[in-house]
Structures are given as structure tokens and as C-alpha cells.
């Protein structure tokens, strides 16, 4: 297994962002307890950008869990590299605006995480009276978000204009590193962990154009993410989607959208993204590329989250 060379650097800054938290059903997704941590490498603390209005009151103080977070990200990056994996991670405290990342500029094909954008665009069309969603459409939307159903994504992707969906979402959320797929297939949309964190932050704040009531539909479904997803490309036709955030943070309620893809060269790509905590204070996105079998690759990304937050909570 090969480890890609590290391109990490250090910067310090803060960003202020705030917004109304979306109220939605808080189904708790729990995983298995995380294993203990190991040793370090280099990270970036950087601003997220102007994703939300400045707060009217001073931001909260950082939580104790953010003490030493950069060191634990270095440690997780080094551990993953020893397993032949290249990980990128971004974590945002929405109350303080503090963003910590080890690979803000690294782009990945986001696979099923693009279903967030498909749902966002579709719900905005409906809110503007540009389309009508039937009860069957609503059921497909739910299963696309909860169980990552590809057939539902295909229907909505084709109905709403394919790559034009990505262009519209990019424009509304200011996702400077996100690109539509070169071959027109939704799963080859590319982005960065920092763009994905920005998207979630603005979705929660209502500053990306989608009404909060519609954002609540997306987040409620993510909070009810199912243990497996239908996947015709793997043996048995189902894929375990409890990896990364839900398994690495078993003591936290989470709302997650997962992505996975084989084979990018010899690598499995896994991407775990979502909102963490009972008050949805934290947003996290972590990706991993690893020349290993699917089980090992899922274990690696989960262990990285467990190393970053060794107590299983933030």
C-alpha cells in the first residue's frame, strides 16, 4: 500500500459565522466505541470564508475538545498514511467560526454526497413553484438521502438538468472549488472538504438560498441515515454506510451523508460528511483514498475520526 506525500502547512486565523439552527428530528445514529489514538504530522487552521452574516453578539469560546485538535488531526493523518491512506479533513465550530483542516485544496470525486446538492436544488425549485413533488417523489427524496438510493438520484438528476444542478448550487453557496462532472455522471462531481463544510454551515444558517423549512427536510433525513445502502456494484447489492463520522463519534447525535467509490486507480474513496451534536454546533467532512479492500478502507476512515475525537464525542 502506498502513502501519498504530505503537502501540509500551518496557518492561524478565525472566522465569524452564525445563523439560525434548523430544527428537525434528531434521530441518533450510534456506532461502536472507538479504539484509542497514536502519533503526529502537520495541519492548517484557516478561515472558512464569508459563509454567514457577522453575529450580533460575540462568538462563543472554543470548546475544550478543540484544544489540541490540530495535533490530533496531524496524528490521524500520520496513522492513515502508515496504512497507505491519504485523508483530508475539515471541522468547523459554527459557534466560534473556528475551522481546522489538513487539506483545504485537495479535490475528490464526492460520489453520493452530491445527493445533497440534488435534493437542495429540487426543494428550492419546489419552494419557488417551478416544480411539484408528488408523494412518490417525496418518498424517493427520503430514500435518496437516508439510504443513498442511486436510482432516485438518477431520476432527479436527469429531471433537473444534470450538471446544471451543480452550477446552480455552486453559485448560491459560493463553492469555489466544486465542479460539475466532466462526463455528466452525478457521482463524478468534485469538491473539497472545506467546500462541503461551507455548504452544511450555510444550509443550517439559511444563507444559501434554500428556505430553512426545506433545509430541515434534508437534515431530518440525514439524521435517519440507514446502516446500509443499496449498491448494485458490490457483492450482495448493499453497502455498509456506517463508517467515519457515525462510527467514530458513537456518543454524539449526527446527521450524515456518506459517499464511496471504487476504483480510482487502485484506491477506494470514502467520504463522510455531516452535522454533529444535539445543537448542531459542529460540521465535519473527512475523505480517504486507500489502496485496500472496502472493509479495511472503512476501518481506516473510522479510526481517523476516533483519533481526532478519542472520547467518541466532541
Protein backbone atom coordinates (compact mmCIF):
# COMPACT_ATOMS: atom_id res chain seq x y z
CA UNK A 1 0.00 0.00 0.00
CA UNK A 2 1.29 3.45 -0.83
CA UNK A 3 1.04 6.65 1.12
CA UNK A 4 0.88 9.86 -0.86
CA UNK A 5 3.43 12.54 0.12
CA UNK A 6 2.20 15.11 2.65
CA UNK A 7 1.59 18.69 1.43
CA UNK A 8 0.52 20.11 4.78
CA UNK A 9 1.27 23.57 6.20
CA UNK A 10 0.27 25.70 9.17
CA UNK A 11 -1.71 28.97 9.26
CA UNK A 12 -3.77 30.52 12.08
CA UNK A 13 -6.92 32.63 11.75
CA UNK A 14 -10.50 32.81 12.92
CA UNK A 15 -13.77 33.35 11.12
CA UNK A 16 -17.09 34.55 12.45
CA UNK A 17 -20.20 32.80 11.19
CA UNK A 18 -23.56 32.23 12.67
CA UNK A 19 -27.14 31.58 11.75
CA UNK A 20 -30.36 30.04 12.88
CA UNK A 21 -30.07 26.36 13.62
CA UNK A 22 -32.56 24.26 11.76
CA UNK A 23 -34.93 22.35 13.98
CA UNK A 24 -35.50 18.83 12.79
CA UNK A 25 -35.97 15.34 14.12
CA UNK A 26 -32.84 14.25 15.95
CA UNK A 27 -32.60 10.54 15.31
CA UNK A 28 -29.36 9.48 16.95
CA UNK A 29 -27.03 7.40 14.80
CA UNK A 30 -24.71 5.43 17.04
CA UNK A 31 -21.78 3.21 16.20
CA UNK A 32 -19.30 1.02 18.01
CA UNK A 33 -16.93 2.54 20.63
CA UNK A 34 -13.74 3.96 19.05
CA UNK A 35 -10.27 2.43 19.55
CA UNK A 36 -7.50 4.57 21.21
CA UNK A 37 -5.16 7.00 19.30
CA UNK A 38 -1.40 7.09 18.22
CA UNK A 39 1.16 9.65 16.65
CA UNK A 40 1.51 13.11 14.63
CA UNK A 41 2.09 15.27 11.38
CA UNK A 42 1.06 18.84 10.07
CA UNK A 43 -2.24 20.79 9.87
CA UNK A 44 -3.87 24.10 8.90
CA UNK A 45 -6.15 26.36 10.92
CA UNK A 46 -7.76 28.65 8.36
CA UNK A 47 -10.82 30.82 7.70
CA UNK A 48 -13.86 29.27 6.08
CA UNK A 49 -14.86 32.43 4.20
CA UNK A 50 -17.87 34.71 4.33
CA UNK A 51 -20.44 31.96 4.67
CA UNK A 52 -22.84 33.75 7.02
CA UNK A 53 -23.53 37.23 8.46
CA UNK A 54 -21.46 38.53 11.35
CA UNK A 55 -23.01 37.74 14.72
CA UNK A 56 -24.78 40.42 16.72
CA UNK A 57 -23.17 39.14 19.92
CA UNK A 58 -19.57 37.99 20.47
CA UNK A 59 -18.91 34.39 19.41
CA UNK A 60 -18.74 31.60 21.98
CA UNK A 61 -15.47 30.44 23.44
CA UNK A 62 -13.96 27.34 21.78
CA UNK A 63 -14.85 24.07 23.47
CA UNK A 64 -12.24 22.01 25.31
CA UNK A 65 -12.47 19.41 22.52
CA UNK A 66 -10.83 21.90 20.15
CA UNK A 67 -7.79 22.15 22.44
CA UNK A 68 -5.10 20.13 20.70
CA UNK A 69 -7.37 19.41 17.74
CA UNK A 70 -4.68 20.36 15.22
CA UNK A 71 -2.26 17.92 16.87
CA UNK A 72 -4.83 15.10 16.80
CA UNK A 73 -5.53 15.77 13.12
CA UNK A 74 -1.78 15.51 12.45
CA UNK A 75 -1.78 12.24 14.36
CA UNK A 76 -4.76 10.86 12.42
CA UNK A 77 -3.14 11.91 9.12
CA UNK A 78 0.10 10.13 10.04
CA UNK A 79 -1.71 6.97 11.20
CA UNK A 80 -3.71 6.84 7.97
CA UNK A 81 -0.56 7.35 5.88
CA UNK A 82 1.07 4.37 7.60
CA UNK A 83 -1.93 2.31 6.44
CA UNK A 84 -1.45 3.59 2.88
CA UNK A 85 -4.31 6.09 3.05
CA UNK A 86 -4.41 9.77 2.18
CA UNK A 87 -7.01 11.61 4.30
CA UNK A 88 -8.31 15.17 4.19
CA UNK A 89 -10.46 16.58 6.95
CA UNK A 90 -12.20 19.85 7.86
CA UNK A 91 -14.02 20.54 11.13
CA UNK A 92 -15.99 23.71 11.86
CA UNK A 93 -17.25 25.03 15.19
CA UNK A 94 -20.24 27.06 14.00
CA UNK A 95 -20.49 29.00 17.27
CA UNK A 96 -16.92 30.35 17.18
CA UNK A 97 -16.25 30.18 13.45
CA UNK A 98 -13.09 28.15 14.05
CA UNK A 99 -12.23 25.89 11.11
CA UNK A 100 -9.45 23.30 11.35
CA UNK A 101 -8.33 21.41 8.24
CA UNK A 102 -5.37 19.47 6.88
CA UNK A 103 -6.14 19.66 3.16
CA UNK A 104 -8.35 22.56 2.16
CA UNK A 105 -7.31 22.47 -1.51
CA UNK A 106 -7.42 18.72 -2.18
CA UNK A 107 -10.30 17.82 -4.53
CA UNK A 108 -12.11 14.48 -4.58
CA UNK A 109 -14.96 12.97 -6.58
CA UNK A 110 -17.73 13.17 -3.98
CA UNK A 111 -19.84 10.21 -5.17
CA UNK A 112 -23.17 10.01 -3.29
CA UNK A 113 -22.53 13.17 -1.25
CA UNK A 114 -23.69 15.03 -4.37
CA UNK A 115 -27.20 13.83 -3.47
CA UNK A 116 -27.24 16.74 -1.00
CA UNK A 117 -26.96 19.16 -3.93
CA UNK A 118 -29.57 17.27 -5.97
CA UNK A 119 -32.03 17.44 -3.05
CA UNK A 120 -31.23 21.10 -2.30
CA UNK A 121 -31.83 22.16 -5.91
CA UNK A 122 -35.05 20.14 -6.19
CA UNK A 123 -36.52 21.52 -2.95
CA UNK A 124 -35.65 25.08 -3.98
CA UNK A 125 -37.42 24.56 -7.31
CA UNK A 126 -40.50 23.40 -5.43
CA UNK A 127 -40.39 26.32 -2.98
CA UNK A 128 -40.33 28.72 -5.96
CA UNK A 129 -43.26 26.98 -7.63
CA UNK A 130 -41.06 25.78 -10.51
CA UNK A 131 -41.90 22.10 -9.93
CA UNK A 132 -44.30 19.95 -7.95
CA UNK A 133 -43.22 16.93 -5.92
CA UNK A 134 -45.66 14.03 -5.85
CA UNK A 135 -45.92 11.68 -2.84
CA UNK A 136 -43.74 9.23 -4.82
CA UNK A 137 -41.17 11.98 -5.40
CA UNK A 138 -41.13 12.69 -1.65
CA UNK A 139 -40.53 9.03 -0.88
CA UNK A 140 -37.71 8.88 -3.45
CA UNK A 141 -36.15 12.02 -1.98
CA UNK A 142 -36.21 10.49 1.51
CA UNK A 143 -34.65 7.21 0.42
CA UNK A 144 -32.03 9.05 -1.66
CA UNK A 145 -30.87 10.94 1.42
CA UNK A 146 -31.32 8.27 4.10
CA UNK A 147 -30.27 5.18 2.16
CA UNK A 148 -28.28 6.79 -0.65
CA UNK A 149 -30.51 5.30 -3.35
CA UNK A 150 -28.83 5.72 -6.74
CA UNK A 151 -31.94 5.19 -8.86
CA UNK A 152 -33.68 8.13 -7.15
CA UNK A 153 -30.60 10.29 -7.72
CA UNK A 154 -30.60 9.33 -11.40
CA UNK A 155 -34.27 10.32 -11.80
CA UNK A 156 -33.86 13.73 -10.13
CA UNK A 157 -30.51 14.41 -11.83
CA UNK A 158 -31.96 13.88 -15.30
CA UNK A 159 -35.20 15.73 -14.49
CA UNK A 160 -33.45 18.84 -13.18
CA UNK A 161 -30.85 19.30 -15.90
CA UNK A 162 -27.88 17.19 -14.81
CA UNK A 163 -24.70 19.24 -14.39
CA UNK A 164 -26.73 22.47 -14.33
CA UNK A 165 -27.78 21.42 -10.80
CA UNK A 166 -24.18 21.70 -9.63
CA UNK A 167 -23.69 25.08 -11.31
CA UNK A 168 -26.78 26.47 -9.56
CA UNK A 169 -25.78 25.14 -6.12
CA UNK A 170 -22.19 26.36 -6.56
CA UNK A 171 -23.45 29.86 -7.40
CA UNK A 172 -25.85 30.02 -4.43
CA UNK A 173 -23.40 28.70 -1.83
CA UNK A 174 -20.18 30.18 -3.22
CA UNK A 175 -18.47 26.79 -3.50
CA UNK A 176 -15.32 27.94 -5.27
CA UNK A 177 -13.65 24.51 -5.52
CA UNK A 178 -16.72 22.46 -6.53
CA UNK A 179 -17.08 21.40 -10.17
CA UNK A 180 -19.75 19.53 -12.17
CA UNK A 181 -18.73 16.11 -13.51
CA UNK A 182 -16.70 16.17 -16.72
CA UNK A 183 -18.60 13.16 -18.08
CA UNK A 184 -22.06 14.26 -16.89
CA UNK A 185 -22.39 11.46 -14.30
CA UNK A 186 -23.54 12.86 -10.94
CA UNK A 187 -21.16 10.74 -8.87
CA UNK A 188 -18.11 12.31 -10.56
CA UNK A 189 -18.89 15.80 -9.22
CA UNK A 190 -15.73 17.06 -7.49
CA UNK A 191 -15.32 19.19 -4.37
CA UNK A 192 -13.16 19.72 -1.28
CA UNK A 193 -13.81 19.04 2.40
CA UNK A 194 -13.82 22.79 3.08
CA UNK A 195 -16.44 23.44 0.38
CA UNK A 196 -18.60 20.68 1.86
CA UNK A 197 -18.27 22.15 5.36
CA UNK A 198 -19.21 25.56 3.96
CA UNK A 199 -22.27 24.03 2.29
CA UNK A 200 -23.54 22.48 5.54
CA UNK A 201 -22.89 25.68 7.51
CA UNK A 202 -24.87 27.78 5.05
CA UNK A 203 -27.62 25.16 4.79
CA UNK A 204 -28.05 25.34 8.58
CA UNK A 205 -27.94 29.14 8.59
CA UNK A 206 -30.34 29.54 5.66
CA UNK A 207 -27.81 31.70 3.80
CA UNK A 208 -27.51 29.52 0.68
CA UNK A 209 -30.97 30.35 -0.64
CA UNK A 210 -32.84 27.22 0.49
CA UNK A 211 -35.61 28.07 2.99
CA UNK A 212 -34.97 26.69 6.48
CA UNK A 213 -38.10 24.52 6.32
CA UNK A 214 -36.65 22.77 3.27
CA UNK A 215 -33.19 22.54 4.83
CA UNK A 216 -34.91 20.80 7.73
CA UNK A 217 -36.19 18.12 5.32
CA UNK A 218 -32.64 17.37 4.22
CA UNK A 219 -31.20 17.34 7.74
CA UNK A 220 -34.02 15.23 9.17
CA UNK A 221 -33.33 12.58 6.56
CA UNK A 222 -29.59 12.66 7.22
CA UNK A 223 -30.30 12.18 10.93
CA UNK A 224 -32.11 8.96 9.96
CA UNK A 225 -29.29 7.59 7.81
CA UNK A 226 -29.70 3.83 7.46
CA UNK A 227 -26.97 1.27 8.32
CA UNK A 228 -26.76 0.03 4.71
CA UNK A 229 -27.38 1.40 1.23
CA UNK A 230 -28.48 -0.37 -1.95
CA UNK A 231 -25.45 -0.67 -4.24
CA UNK A 232 -25.57 -2.85 -7.33
CA UNK A 233 -21.81 -2.55 -7.81
CA UNK A 234 -20.86 -4.59 -4.73
CA UNK A 235 -21.40 -8.26 -3.81
CA UNK A 236 -24.77 -8.74 -2.12
CA UNK A 237 -26.12 -5.48 -3.55
CA UNK A 238 -25.83 -3.49 -0.30
CA UNK A 239 -23.02 -1.40 1.16
CA UNK A 240 -22.42 -0.56 4.87
CA UNK A 241 -22.67 3.21 5.28
CA UNK A 242 -21.75 3.38 8.96
CA UNK A 243 -18.14 4.50 8.64
CA UNK A 244 -16.23 7.64 9.50
CA UNK A 245 -18.35 10.11 11.49
CA UNK A 246 -21.20 7.88 12.80
CA UNK A 247 -18.84 5.07 13.90
CA UNK A 248 -16.03 7.35 15.10
CA UNK A 249 -18.36 9.54 17.21
CA UNK A 250 -20.68 6.97 18.83
CA UNK A 251 -21.58 9.27 21.75
CA UNK A 252 -22.88 12.11 19.53
CA UNK A 253 -26.14 12.54 17.63
CA UNK A 254 -25.19 13.05 13.99
CA UNK A 255 -26.85 13.78 10.65
CA UNK A 256 -24.63 12.36 7.89
CA UNK A 257 -24.30 11.90 4.16
CA UNK A 258 -21.74 9.31 3.12
CA UNK A 259 -20.02 8.65 -0.19
CA UNK A 260 -17.85 5.81 -1.51
CA UNK A 261 -16.39 4.80 -4.83
CA UNK A 262 -14.19 2.10 -6.31
CA UNK A 263 -11.87 2.02 -8.11
CA UNK A 264 -9.96 5.26 -8.52
CA UNK A 265 -6.78 3.70 -9.81
CA UNK A 266 -6.18 1.08 -7.13
CA UNK A 267 -7.92 3.15 -4.45
CA UNK A 268 -11.21 3.02 -2.60
CA UNK A 269 -12.57 6.50 -1.90
CA UNK A 270 -14.67 7.03 1.23
CA UNK A 271 -16.21 10.35 2.23
CA UNK A 272 -18.05 11.01 5.50
CA UNK A 273 -19.79 14.37 5.97
CA UNK A 274 -22.34 15.84 8.32
CA UNK A 275 -23.56 17.81 11.29
CA UNK A 276 -22.66 16.80 14.84
CA UNK A 277 -24.12 17.46 18.29
CA UNK A 278 -27.57 17.98 19.82
CA UNK A 279 -27.43 21.69 18.91
CA UNK A 280 -25.77 21.04 15.52
CA UNK A 281 -22.81 23.15 16.54
CA UNK A 282 -20.18 21.21 14.57
CA UNK A 283 -19.77 20.36 10.90
CA UNK A 284 -17.22 17.82 9.67
CA UNK A 285 -16.11 16.38 6.35
CA UNK A 286 -13.41 13.72 6.00
CA UNK A 287 -12.26 11.88 2.90
CA UNK A 288 -9.91 8.93 2.49
CA UNK A 289 -8.21 7.40 -0.54
CA UNK A 290 -6.67 4.00 0.12
CA UNK A 291 -5.39 1.09 -1.94
CA UNK A 292 -7.08 -1.56 0.20
CA UNK A 293 -10.24 -3.63 0.28
CA UNK A 294 -13.50 -1.90 1.20
CA UNK A 295 -13.60 -3.21 4.78
CA UNK A 296 -10.07 -2.01 5.54
CA UNK A 297 -10.75 1.35 3.88
CA UNK A 298 -13.86 1.89 6.03
CA UNK A 299 -11.90 0.97 9.16
CA UNK A 300 -9.19 3.49 8.28
CA UNK A 301 -11.53 6.47 7.91
CA UNK A 302 -13.39 5.48 11.08
CA UNK A 303 -10.14 5.19 13.03
CA UNK A 304 -9.12 8.64 11.79
CA UNK A 305 -12.29 10.16 13.29
CA UNK A 306 -11.73 8.20 16.52
CA UNK A 307 -8.16 9.52 16.75
CA UNK A 308 -9.32 13.10 16.22
CA UNK A 309 -12.01 12.71 18.91
CA UNK A 310 -10.77 9.85 21.14
CA UNK A 311 -13.67 10.04 23.60
CA UNK A 312 -16.23 9.31 20.88
CA UNK A 313 -17.70 12.80 21.28
CA UNK A 314 -16.73 16.42 20.60
